[in-house]
Amino acid sequence: MGVHGKDIKIFSGNSNKEVARNIARGIGLYLSKSEISTFSDGEISISIGESVRGSDAFIVQSTSAPVNNNIMELALMCDALKRSSAARVTAVIPYFGYARQDRQAKARDPISAKLVANLISCAGADRVLTMDLHAPQIQGFFSVPVDHLLGVPILTPYFLDKFGRNNEDIVIVSPDFGSVTRVRNFAQRFNAPVAIIDKRRQRANVCEVMNIIGDVFGKTVILVDDMIDTAGTLCNAAKAVIEKGGAKEVYACATHGVLSGPAIERIENSVLKEVVILDTIYQPKENRIDKINILPVSQVFSEAIERIYDDKPISTLFV
């Protein structure tokens, strides 16, 4: 047992209780008792239903839609646990919202990712456990340690089972230059070549595909990204590798299925054969269409929590 707490307590916010329960079950625990309610004026009320004195407390909460409510729930739970004498509070954030606002894209913009990181740290989180930040440098925005898990080791085995290793018909494609490192990691495990789509974004959530760097002609393409929001980039990329590149068929995978606005309709009507995402964000029934396959992250998070508790390294999870 580690030196930071006498036991492990797993708490859940409202964003993704199913994943929180599965994470707790993976450690051999039940979710600890807490109640989250809302006052008539919209303020959030937090009540911790059991003693956490001297415990290692982990709060599972994705800051997905409704983003601001979920961030506030997380901050208030951190504060409640810290004031209740928890030995250590870890914010387990499978999906970290506001991560795309990691710099000033134009004059007088806020750096929202830094502000949210400050809020979580100041609320009482002693460390953060998250997965596939949109920009890895966001780890440095926090004033507490951040353990950064990767989605690729979960996604790759699915496609290896489907297509096999050293399959010469497979090309791994990055939908933009920002995902190249992730795609290389994926391709290395697959032992497959890489291609990149060069796109020029006209305005927010609208992009135009310009060119394909690499050979995808007659190949089965797997598009790899960290998140799918409105699915515009993904569907344009899939269309481009078929129409411009001459690819045979297109699959896609991403860690986070934000799936906002017209995303489901676009995916349904696209040339994509299948889209594989992880359950870092809760998907309502209307998002669970035949083309979308959802893989669980609970086993990886359960093991990471046990390693944090036992003061063991997280990095060996990805070897």
Foldseek 3Di string as FASTA:
>chain_A
DFPQAPEEAEAEDDFCVPLSQLLQVLLVHGHFDKDWDADPVGDIDIDGDDQQARHEYEYEFACAVVNVVRLVRLLQVLLVNVVSHHSAYEYEHAHHPLLVLCDPPDPPDDSVLLVSLVSNVVSHHQEYEYECRLDVCSCVSHPHHYHYHYDLVVPLVVVCVVQNAPRAQEEEEELDPSCVVVSVVSCVVRVHHYKYWHWDAPDPPRIATDDIGDAQAQGEYEYEDAEQACCNSVQNSQVCCVPVRNHPAYEYEHAYYSNDDNNQVSQVPGRHQAYEYEVSGPDDPVSPDPRYHYHYDSNLSSVVVVCVRHVHDSVVVPD
